[in-house]
Amino acid sequence: MDADSANMSRLTADLERAAGAVRSAENVLIITHIDADGIASGGVASATLDRLGKRYRILFEKKISEDTVAAINRSAEDLVWICDLGSAYLSEFKRHGIVVTDHHVPDPKWKGGQTSIDDFGRIHHLNPHEYGVSGSYEICGAGMTYLLSKTIDPKNRDLAYLAIVGAVGDLQDNRESKLIGLNRMIMEEAVSAGDIAVDNDIRYFGRDYRPLIQFLQYGNDPPIPGISDNGPGCNALFADLGIPLRKGGEPRTWRDLAAEEKISVSERLLSLVGDDDLRKRLFGEIYTITRYDSCTGLKDVKEFATVLNSCGRYDDAETGLRICMGDMTALEDAERNRSDHRKHISSAISYIKENRLLRERRFVQYFDAGPEIKETVVGIVAGMLLNSGDVNKVLPIFAFAEADDGVKVSARASRALTDRGLDLSFIMKTASEIVGGYGGGHKVAAGATIPTGKEEEFLDIVEDLVSSQII
């Protein structure tokens, strides 16, 4: 048996053991993250427990803090199911009966494979890193939660589409402009269930609601010369191709275009993009949820993920969960969250640019937003800046924002840097612990919380670590 087959066999066995623990529990505490992946994970776990007839409650957390660890350790429930969180803090969990379905880099201090008299005497740690699979682009937290759900009951395959929402929300399709690895297997199950349709198309955001000009003008990843941030250039392109911008007096969206119109525009855009890598980022797979109409804002998987993100980042993850559970009455609240999210992101990027907050050191670039940008979205802002063409893509970007328990730091890097050896998860965990904080994440995106006043010391340590990895 080769290594991959052995790893998958081990994963299957571990899923079966964890499934037994969930089935045996009378009541469960779910703890999950507030981003799209975390809320989708919570949706999968909640639906799974509903179908089993279990009593449960769910808590949404920005991160695993000391209070979160205490809540887990003193929980009165038979089982604690931690989704899209937990792997980095395994050594701090002291109670029996924990299931972790996560994809972040695991706690190196924790020794797996602990045994006990019964299933409630161990941590069931289900994380792709334990099985030779990337947690950055091959499967997400919702994906791991889904694998456990369908092990508990194969009928739960109808939840596969939520795992795809989590994966796309975590940008796991960006590396290859399509989902790969275990994500692809899950996607194929969602397609077989009739819940997901796959097409090849321009991968810009807003195909369902942005008028055609705005769809191209604000589609900045990747940027297109003469088109991105250029309304007149977009207008000229459609005029040259003879494609009307309105129909019946209403603005047309990308989804309104006929197939031949999309082909004409796509071919022109691809001809304007500089190299093969950028073309690959521009044109690739897109995923549509077949059960929803365009007017819901949930049909495009990227849109669905944005709805969940906007709920979680603005202290309303419960509304996102209601949507995952099929409650369409939550859409009005979600639209308010989404509107606030767009406005805040737009104003945050403008604030950074107008106040020239971005600074460069030799090996890193960074900005400190203080209290002006919510800690829950500062990582999104950093990622958008990195992909905007307005910053130095040769350097990783670190973003600081005030938080209740110190300073939140979010880091993002290009794939080219991680291919050269950069590992932001290791850097954030190591640097934050040296200054008295904590952190972790993925190679390409990671976060930390550090004490107030330690920002410069933290950056000094980060620079040393970055330089040692990529020089």
Protein backbone atom coordinates (compact mmCIF):
# COMPACT_ATOMS: atom_id res chain seq x y z
CA MET A 1 0.00 0.00 0.00
CA ASP A 2 1.44 3.39 -0.98
CA ALA A 3 1.60 6.38 1.40
CA ASP A 4 -1.48 8.12 -0.03
CA SER A 5 -3.61 4.99 0.26
CA ALA A 6 -2.37 4.37 3.80
CA ASN A 7 -3.21 7.94 4.79
CA MET A 8 -6.73 7.67 3.34
CA SER A 9 -7.28 4.36 5.09
CA ARG A 10 -6.22 5.96 8.36
CA LEU A 11 -8.52 8.93 7.72
CA THR A 12 -11.44 6.58 7.06
CA ALA A 13 -10.78 4.70 10.31
CA ASP A 14 -10.50 7.94 12.30
CA LEU A 15 -13.74 9.25 10.77
CA GLU A 16 -15.53 6.06 11.80
CA ARG A 17 -14.29 6.38 15.39
CA ALA A 18 -15.31 10.02 15.59
CA ALA A 19 -18.70 9.21 14.05
CA GLY A 20 -19.25 6.65 16.79
CA ALA A 21 -18.49 9.28 19.43
CA VAL A 22 -21.02 11.70 17.92
CA ARG A 23 -23.71 9.02 17.65
CA SER A 24 -23.14 8.04 21.31
CA ALA A 25 -23.46 11.57 22.69
CA GLU A 26 -26.80 12.67 24.09
CA ASN A 27 -26.00 16.38 23.87
CA VAL A 28 -23.30 18.33 22.06
CA LEU A 29 -21.64 21.74 22.20
CA ILE A 30 -20.60 23.00 18.75
CA ILE A 31 -17.88 25.64 18.66
CA THR A 32 -17.09 27.10 15.27
CA HIS A 33 -15.39 30.05 13.57
CA ILE A 34 -17.16 33.22 12.36
CA ASP A 35 -15.95 33.26 8.75
CA ALA A 36 -17.70 31.64 5.77
CA ASP A 37 -15.87 28.35 6.29
CA GLY A 38 -16.70 28.32 9.99
CA ILE A 39 -20.38 29.17 9.52
CA ALA A 40 -20.71 26.57 6.75
CA SER A 41 -19.02 24.07 9.10
CA GLY A 42 -21.50 24.99 11.81
CA GLY A 43 -24.33 24.48 9.33
CA VAL A 44 -23.11 20.99 8.44
CA ALA A 45 -22.62 20.02 12.10
CA SER A 46 -26.00 21.46 13.14
CA ALA A 47 -27.89 19.72 10.34
CA THR A 48 -26.12 16.45 11.18
CA LEU A 49 -27.13 16.64 14.84
CA ASP A 50 -30.68 17.72 13.98
CA ARG A 51 -31.06 14.62 11.83
CA LEU A 52 -29.75 12.45 14.65
CA GLY A 53 -32.25 14.03 17.05
CA LYS A 54 -29.46 15.25 19.34
CA ARG A 55 -29.73 18.19 21.71
CA TYR A 56 -27.03 20.76 20.98
CA ARG A 57 -26.06 24.40 21.26
CA ILE A 58 -23.64 26.34 19.09
CA LEU A 59 -21.13 29.07 19.91
CA PHE A 60 -19.38 31.20 17.28
CA GLU A 61 -15.85 32.35 18.11
CA LYS A 62 -13.46 34.78 16.41
CA LYS A 63 -10.55 32.69 17.67
CA ILE A 64 -9.62 30.20 20.35
CA SER A 65 -8.97 32.40 23.36
CA GLU A 66 -8.35 31.52 27.01
CA ASP A 67 -12.08 31.98 27.62
CA THR A 68 -12.88 29.62 24.73
CA VAL A 69 -10.52 26.97 26.09
CA ALA A 70 -12.15 27.31 29.51
CA ALA A 71 -15.64 26.99 27.99
CA ILE A 72 -14.56 23.82 26.20
CA ASN A 73 -12.92 22.26 29.24
CA ARG A 74 -15.84 22.98 31.60
CA SER A 75 -18.65 22.19 29.15
CA ALA A 76 -21.39 20.02 30.67
CA GLU A 77 -22.25 18.44 27.31
CA ASP A 78 -21.25 14.87 26.54
CA LEU A 79 -19.29 16.00 23.48
CA VAL A 80 -17.69 19.19 22.19
CA TRP A 81 -17.48 19.39 18.39
CA ILE A 82 -14.99 22.10 17.34
CA CYS A 83 -15.25 23.14 13.67
CA ASP A 84 -12.73 25.17 11.64
CA LEU A 85 -10.86 25.88 14.89
CA GLY A 86 -9.07 23.99 17.62
CA SER A 87 -6.15 22.19 15.98
CA ALA A 88 -3.60 24.77 17.13
CA TYR A 89 -4.70 24.42 20.79
CA LEU A 90 -5.07 20.67 21.25
CA SER A 91 -2.64 20.50 24.16
CA GLU A 92 -4.81 22.95 26.13
CA PHE A 93 -7.95 20.83 26.03
CA LYS A 94 -8.27 18.78 29.22
CA ARG A 95 -11.76 17.27 29.10
CA HIS A 96 -12.94 13.99 27.61
CA GLY A 97 -15.12 13.82 24.52
CA ILE A 98 -13.81 16.28 21.93
CA VAL A 99 -14.10 16.08 18.15
CA VAL A 100 -12.09 18.57 16.08
CA THR A 101 -12.79 19.00 12.35
CA ASP A 102 -10.26 21.63 11.33
CA HIS A 103 -7.70 22.38 8.61
CA HIS A 104 -5.27 24.76 10.31
CA VAL A 105 -1.74 23.75 11.27
CA PRO A 106 -1.94 21.49 14.36
CA ASP A 107 -0.45 22.18 17.77
CA PRO A 108 3.06 20.64 17.70
CA LYS A 109 2.94 20.06 21.47
CA TRP A 110 -0.01 17.70 21.24
CA LYS A 111 0.62 13.96 21.03
CA GLY A 112 -2.02 12.25 18.92
CA GLY A 113 -3.22 8.70 19.15
CA GLN A 114 -4.02 8.82 22.85
CA THR A 115 -6.05 5.83 23.94
CA SER A 116 -8.57 5.30 26.70
CA ILE A 117 -11.27 2.94 27.90
CA ASP A 118 -14.01 4.44 25.72
CA ASP A 119 -14.46 6.84 22.85
CA PHE A 120 -15.19 9.77 25.15
CA GLY A 121 -11.70 9.52 26.64
CA ARG A 122 -9.87 10.88 23.61
CA ILE A 123 -9.66 13.79 21.25
CA HIS A 124 -10.79 12.84 17.78
CA HIS A 125 -8.60 15.13 15.72
CA LEU A 126 -9.61 15.20 12.05
CA ASN A 127 -7.25 17.48 10.19
CA PRO A 128 -5.84 17.07 6.65
CA HIS A 129 -2.30 17.78 7.85
CA GLU A 130 -2.44 14.50 9.76
CA TYR A 131 -3.05 12.59 6.51
CA GLY A 132 -0.58 14.21 4.12
CA VAL A 133 -3.19 16.56 2.64
CA SER A 134 -2.94 20.34 2.36
CA GLY A 135 -5.28 22.32 4.58
CA SER A 136 -4.63 25.43 2.52
CA TYR A 137 -6.02 24.34 -0.84
CA GLU A 138 -7.11 20.66 -0.80
CA ILE A 139 -9.79 20.76 1.92
CA CYS A 140 -11.19 23.28 4.40
CA GLY A 141 -12.84 23.12 7.82
CA ALA A 142 -16.32 22.69 6.34
CA GLY A 143 -14.92 19.92 4.14
CA MET A 144 -13.56 18.00 7.13
CA THR A 145 -16.85 18.55 8.97
CA TYR A 146 -18.72 17.24 5.94
CA LEU A 147 -16.52 14.11 5.72
CA LEU A 148 -17.49 13.32 9.30
CA SER A 149 -21.16 14.11 8.63
CA LYS A 150 -21.43 11.72 5.68
CA THR A 151 -19.57 9.06 7.71
CA ILE A 152 -22.23 9.43 10.41
CA ASP A 153 -24.93 9.00 7.76
CA PRO A 154 -24.38 8.70 3.97
CA LYS A 155 -27.67 10.55 3.46
CA ASN A 156 -25.84 13.70 4.56
CA ARG A 157 -24.26 13.92 1.10
CA ASP A 158 -26.86 16.61 0.43
CA LEU A 159 -24.74 18.85 2.68
CA ALA A 160 -21.73 18.66 0.35
CA TYR A 161 -22.58 22.03 -1.24
CA LEU A 162 -21.98 23.75 2.12
CA ALA A 163 -18.46 22.30 2.17
CA ILE A 164 -17.91 23.85 -1.27
CA VAL A 165 -19.14 27.22 0.06
CA GLY A 166 -16.58 26.91 2.86
CA ALA A 167 -13.76 26.01 0.48
CA VAL A 168 -14.46 28.89 -1.89
CA GLY A 169 -14.95 31.24 1.05
CA ASP A 170 -11.45 30.27 2.18
CA LEU A 171 -10.18 30.92 -1.38
CA GLN A 172 -9.09 27.31 -1.80
CA ASP A 173 -10.03 27.39 -5.48
CA ASN A 174 -7.62 30.27 -6.17
CA ARG A 175 -4.43 28.26 -6.43
CA GLU A 176 -5.46 26.33 -9.56
CA SER A 177 -8.55 28.38 -10.50
CA LYS A 178 -10.53 25.28 -9.57
CA LEU A 179 -11.02 23.00 -6.60
CA ILE A 180 -8.56 20.13 -6.25
CA GLY A 181 -7.81 17.25 -3.90
CA LEU A 182 -10.50 16.24 -1.42
CA ASN A 183 -12.34 19.46 -2.26
CA ARG A 184 -12.83 18.14 -5.77
CA MET A 185 -14.15 14.82 -4.53
CA ILE A 186 -16.66 16.69 -2.36
CA MET A 187 -17.57 18.96 -5.27
CA GLU A 188 -18.29 15.92 -7.44
CA GLU A 189 -20.59 14.57 -4.73
CA ALA A 190 -22.42 17.93 -4.65
CA VAL A 191 -22.73 17.81 -8.45
CA SER A 192 -24.07 14.24 -8.28
CA ALA A 193 -26.61 15.38 -5.68
CA GLY A 194 -27.79 18.05 -8.12
CA ASP A 195 -26.81 20.91 -5.80
CA ILE A 196 -23.76 22.35 -7.62
CA ALA A 197 -23.21 23.16 -11.29
CA VAL A 198 -19.68 23.74 -12.62
CA ASP A 199 -18.81 26.02 -15.54
CA ASN A 200 -15.69 27.61 -17.00
CA ASP A 201 -16.00 31.37 -17.05
CA ILE A 202 -14.51 34.71 -15.98
CA ARG A 203 -13.87 34.35 -12.25
CA TYR A 204 -14.66 37.91 -11.21
CA PHE A 205 -17.00 38.60 -8.31
CA GLY A 206 -20.57 39.91 -8.68
CA ARG A 207 -21.83 38.11 -11.78
CA ASP A 208 -25.40 38.07 -10.41
CA TYR A 209 -25.89 41.65 -9.30
CA ARG A 210 -23.19 44.00 -10.66
CA PRO A 211 -24.00 45.83 -13.91
CA LEU A 212 -21.60 44.79 -16.69
CA ILE A 213 -19.38 47.90 -16.42
CA GLN A 214 -18.91 47.48 -12.66
CA PHE A 215 -18.39 43.73 -13.02
CA LEU A 216 -15.24 44.35 -15.08
CA GLN A 217 -14.23 47.69 -13.58
CA TYR A 218 -14.04 46.38 -10.01
CA GLY A 219 -12.78 42.91 -10.88
CA ASN A 220 -9.19 43.47 -9.82
CA ASP A 221 -7.89 39.94 -9.36
CA PRO A 222 -6.18 39.73 -11.72
CA PRO A 223 -6.11 43.34 -12.98
CA ILE A 224 -6.60 43.87 -16.72
CA PRO A 225 -4.80 46.79 -18.41
CA GLY A 226 -7.25 49.40 -19.63
CA ILE A 227 -10.20 47.67 -17.95
CA SER A 228 -9.66 47.40 -14.19
CA ASP A 229 -10.62 50.62 -12.38
CA ASN A 230 -11.40 52.11 -15.79
CA GLY A 231 -15.11 52.70 -16.42
CA PRO A 232 -14.63 54.34 -19.84
CA GLY A 233 -12.37 51.46 -20.91
CA CYS A 234 -15.06 48.95 -19.94
CA ASN A 235 -17.69 50.97 -21.79
CA ALA A 236 -15.53 51.04 -24.92
CA LEU A 237 -15.00 47.27 -24.80
CA PHE A 238 -18.71 46.47 -24.76
CA ALA A 239 -19.42 49.11 -27.43
CA ASP A 240 -16.69 47.70 -29.68
CA LEU A 241 -18.15 44.20 -29.35
CA GLY A 242 -21.69 45.46 -29.95
CA ILE A 243 -22.98 44.16 -26.63
CA PRO A 244 -25.83 46.24 -25.13
CA LEU A 245 -25.47 47.21 -21.48
CA ARG A 246 -29.20 47.36 -20.81
CA LYS A 247 -32.26 45.32 -21.64
CA GLY A 248 -35.78 46.66 -21.16
CA GLY A 249 -34.33 49.68 -19.42
CA GLU A 250 -32.57 47.55 -16.79
CA PRO A 251 -28.78 47.10 -16.49
CA ARG A 252 -27.58 43.70 -17.64
CA THR A 253 -25.37 41.54 -15.43
CA TRP A 254 -22.76 39.01 -16.50
CA ARG A 255 -25.20 36.17 -15.91
CA ASP A 256 -27.67 37.89 -18.29
CA LEU A 257 -25.30 37.58 -21.26
CA ALA A 258 -25.88 34.99 -23.93
CA ALA A 259 -23.21 32.32 -24.33
CA GLU A 260 -21.78 33.89 -27.49
CA GLU A 261 -21.61 37.30 -25.81
CA LYS A 262 -19.65 35.84 -22.88
CA ILE A 263 -17.25 34.15 -25.29
CA SER A 264 -16.61 37.42 -27.15
CA VAL A 265 -15.91 39.38 -23.98
CA SER A 266 -13.82 36.59 -22.44
CA GLU A 267 -11.63 36.24 -25.52
CA ARG A 268 -11.03 40.00 -25.59
CA LEU A 269 -10.17 40.11 -21.88
CA LEU A 270 -7.80 37.15 -22.14
CA SER A 271 -6.02 38.86 -25.01
CA LEU A 272 -5.41 41.89 -22.78
CA VAL A 273 -3.91 39.92 -19.88
CA GLY A 274 -0.15 39.70 -19.78
CA ASP A 275 0.83 36.10 -19.12
CA ASP A 276 -0.48 32.56 -18.77
CA ASP A 277 -0.62 32.66 -14.95
CA LEU A 278 -2.83 35.75 -15.02
CA ARG A 279 -5.04 34.21 -17.69
CA LYS A 280 -5.45 31.16 -15.50
CA ARG A 281 -6.52 33.35 -12.59
CA LEU A 282 -8.96 35.26 -14.78
CA PHE A 283 -10.67 32.32 -16.46
CA GLY A 284 -11.42 29.05 -14.71
CA GLU A 285 -14.09 27.14 -12.85
CA ILE A 286 -17.06 28.83 -11.22
CA TYR A 287 -19.60 27.09 -9.02
CA THR A 288 -23.35 27.67 -8.94
CA ILE A 289 -25.80 26.43 -6.32
CA THR A 290 -28.75 25.15 -8.33
CA ARG A 291 -31.37 25.35 -5.58
CA TYR A 292 -31.27 29.16 -5.42
CA ASP A 293 -32.44 31.90 -7.75
CA SER A 294 -30.14 34.78 -8.69
CA CYS A 295 -32.33 37.22 -6.75
CA THR A 296 -31.46 35.52 -3.45
CA GLY A 297 -27.77 36.44 -3.72
CA LEU A 298 -26.94 32.82 -2.94
CA LYS A 299 -26.77 31.25 -6.39
CA ASP A 300 -23.08 31.91 -7.01
CA VAL A 301 -20.91 30.11 -4.44
CA LYS A 302 -18.66 33.17 -4.05
CA GLU A 303 -21.74 35.28 -3.33
CA PHE A 304 -23.03 32.75 -0.79
CA ALA A 305 -19.65 32.74 0.95
CA THR A 306 -19.64 36.55 1.02
CA VAL A 307 -23.08 36.55 2.64
CA LEU A 308 -21.80 34.24 5.37
CA ASN A 309 -18.62 36.28 5.82
CA SER A 310 -20.58 39.51 6.12
CA CYS A 311 -22.77 37.98 8.81
CA GLY A 312 -19.92 36.55 10.86
CA ARG A 313 -17.62 39.55 10.59
CA TYR A 314 -20.38 41.84 11.88
CA ASP A 315 -21.33 39.81 14.96
CA ASP A 316 -24.32 38.10 13.35
CA ALA A 317 -23.09 34.59 12.54
CA GLU A 318 -26.44 33.23 13.67
CA THR A 319 -28.09 34.76 10.59
CA GLY A 320 -25.53 33.02 8.39
CA LEU A 321 -26.28 29.75 10.15
CA ARG A 322 -30.01 30.21 9.55
CA ILE A 323 -29.30 30.56 5.82
CA CYS A 324 -27.16 27.42 5.82
CA MET A 325 -30.08 25.62 7.47
CA GLY A 326 -32.41 26.78 4.68
CA ASP A 327 -34.19 29.62 6.49
CA MET A 328 -34.86 32.15 3.71
CA THR A 329 -36.45 34.59 6.16
CA ALA A 330 -32.86 35.38 7.23
CA LEU A 331 -32.05 36.92 3.83
CA GLU A 332 -33.24 40.40 4.78
CA ASP A 333 -30.93 40.51 7.79
CA ALA A 334 -28.14 39.03 5.68
CA GLU A 335 -28.54 41.68 3.00
CA ARG A 336 -28.13 44.38 5.63
CA ASN A 337 -24.95 42.68 6.81
CA ARG A 338 -23.69 42.34 3.24
CA SER A 339 -24.32 46.02 2.54
CA ASP A 340 -22.43 46.99 5.70
CA HIS A 341 -19.62 44.63 4.75
CA ARG A 342 -19.16 46.15 1.29
CA LYS A 343 -19.20 49.68 2.66
CA HIS A 344 -16.71 48.88 5.41
CA ILE A 345 -14.28 47.08 3.10
CA SER A 346 -14.45 49.90 0.55
CA SER A 347 -13.95 52.62 3.18
CA ALA A 348 -11.14 50.60 4.83
CA ILE A 349 -9.16 50.33 1.60
CA SER A 350 -9.73 54.03 0.88
CA TYR A 351 -8.63 54.92 4.42
CA ILE A 352 -5.36 53.03 4.03
CA LYS A 353 -4.61 54.55 0.63
CA GLU A 354 -5.65 58.12 1.49
CA ASN A 355 -3.64 58.13 4.72
CA ARG A 356 -0.69 56.34 3.12
CA LEU A 357 -0.60 53.81 5.95
CA LEU A 358 1.26 51.13 4.00
CA ARG A 359 4.90 50.89 5.03
CA GLU A 360 7.74 48.75 3.68
CA ARG A 361 10.63 47.17 5.48
CA ARG A 362 13.27 45.13 3.71
CA PHE A 363 11.38 41.84 3.86
CA VAL A 364 7.78 42.77 4.76
CA GLN A 365 5.14 45.43 4.18
CA TYR A 366 2.53 46.37 6.74
CA PHE A 367 -0.11 48.83 7.85
CA ASP A 368 -1.55 49.65 11.27
CA ALA A 369 -5.23 50.56 11.11
CA GLY A 370 -5.63 51.03 14.86
CA PRO A 371 -9.36 51.24 15.70
CA GLU A 372 -10.40 52.38 12.21
CA ILE A 373 -10.84 48.89 10.72
CA LYS A 374 -12.66 46.05 12.45
CA GLU A 375 -10.33 43.29 13.57
CA THR A 376 -12.67 40.76 11.97
CA VAL A 377 -12.13 42.15 8.45
CA VAL A 378 -8.55 43.47 8.55
CA GLY A 379 -7.30 40.20 7.01
CA ILE A 380 -9.78 40.52 4.14
CA VAL A 381 -8.57 44.07 3.54
CA ALA A 382 -4.93 42.93 3.55
CA GLY A 383 -5.73 40.19 1.03
CA MET A 384 -7.59 42.56 -1.26
CA LEU A 385 -4.72 45.05 -1.14
CA LEU A 386 -2.24 42.32 -2.00
CA ASN A 387 -4.31 41.38 -5.05
CA SER A 388 -5.05 44.94 -6.14
CA GLY A 389 -1.81 45.75 -7.94
CA ASP A 390 -1.30 48.73 -5.60
CA VAL A 391 1.18 47.00 -3.28
CA ASN A 392 4.46 45.14 -3.62
CA LYS A 393 3.59 41.51 -4.33
CA VAL A 394 7.19 40.46 -3.72
CA LEU A 395 6.63 41.08 0.02
CA PRO A 396 4.13 39.49 2.41
CA ILE A 397 1.69 41.95 3.96
CA PHE A 398 0.96 42.25 7.69
CA ALA A 399 -2.05 44.18 8.96
CA PHE A 400 -2.63 45.43 12.53
CA ALA A 401 -5.94 46.43 14.13
CA GLU A 402 -7.08 47.04 17.69
CA ALA A 403 -8.87 44.16 19.39
CA ASP A 404 -10.50 43.68 22.78
CA ASP A 405 -7.65 41.49 23.97
CA GLY A 406 -4.68 43.29 22.39
CA VAL A 407 -3.71 43.82 18.77
CA LYS A 408 -5.00 41.59 15.97
CA VAL A 409 -2.43 40.83 13.26
CA SER A 410 -3.38 39.32 9.91
CA ALA A 411 -0.82 38.22 7.34
CA ARG A 412 -1.20 37.37 3.65
CA ALA A 413 1.30 36.32 1.00
CA SER A 414 1.35 35.48 -2.68
CA ARG A 415 1.53 31.89 -3.86
CA ALA A 416 4.93 32.66 -5.40
CA LEU A 417 6.32 33.40 -1.93
CA THR A 418 4.91 30.25 -0.35
CA ASP A 419 6.34 28.25 -3.26
CA ARG A 420 9.74 29.69 -2.29
CA GLY A 421 9.34 28.41 1.27
CA LEU A 422 7.42 31.11 3.10
CA ASP A 423 5.20 29.71 5.87
CA LEU A 424 3.06 32.41 7.51
CA SER A 425 1.54 29.93 9.95
CA PHE A 426 4.94 29.15 11.47
CA ILE A 427 5.97 32.82 11.39
CA MET A 428 2.82 34.09 13.11
CA LYS A 429 2.83 31.38 15.73
CA THR A 430 6.54 31.78 16.52
CA ALA A 431 6.71 35.59 16.51
CA SER A 432 3.51 36.04 18.51
CA GLU A 433 4.58 33.61 21.22
CA ILE A 434 7.92 35.38 21.63
CA VAL A 435 6.14 38.68 22.38
CA GLY A 436 3.56 37.07 24.65
CA GLY A 437 0.74 36.40 22.20
CA TYR A 438 -0.57 33.50 20.15
CA GLY A 439 -1.27 32.75 16.50
CA GLY A 440 -1.34 30.30 13.62
CA GLY A 441 -3.16 29.56 10.37
CA HIS A 442 -1.92 28.57 6.92
CA LYS A 443 1.23 29.12 4.90
CA VAL A 444 -0.47 31.70 2.70
CA ALA A 445 -2.74 33.33 5.31
CA ALA A 446 -2.39 33.45 9.07
CA GLY A 447 -3.37 35.49 12.11
CA ALA A 448 -2.20 36.33 15.59
CA THR A 449 -3.06 38.36 18.65
CA ILE A 450 -0.22 40.19 20.42
CA PRO A 451 -0.03 42.54 23.43
CA THR A 452 -0.52 46.25 22.76
CA GLY A 453 2.80 48.04 22.33
CA LYS A 454 4.62 44.98 20.97
CA GLU A 455 4.06 45.77 17.28
CA GLU A 456 7.61 46.89 16.43
CA GLU A 457 9.22 44.03 18.33
CA PHE A 458 6.87 41.64 16.57
CA LEU A 459 7.81 43.05 13.15
CA ASP A 460 11.53 42.74 13.95
CA ILE A 461 11.06 39.04 14.72
CA VAL A 462 8.85 38.55 11.66
CA GLU A 463 11.49 40.09 9.40
CA ASP A 464 14.13 37.70 10.70
CA LEU A 465 11.85 34.73 10.16
CA VAL A 466 10.76 35.79 6.67
CA SER A 467 14.34 36.42 5.58
CA SER A 468 15.43 33.00 6.86
CA GLN A 469 12.68 31.25 4.88
CA ILE A 470 12.90 32.87 1.46
CA ILE A 471 16.50 34.15 1.15
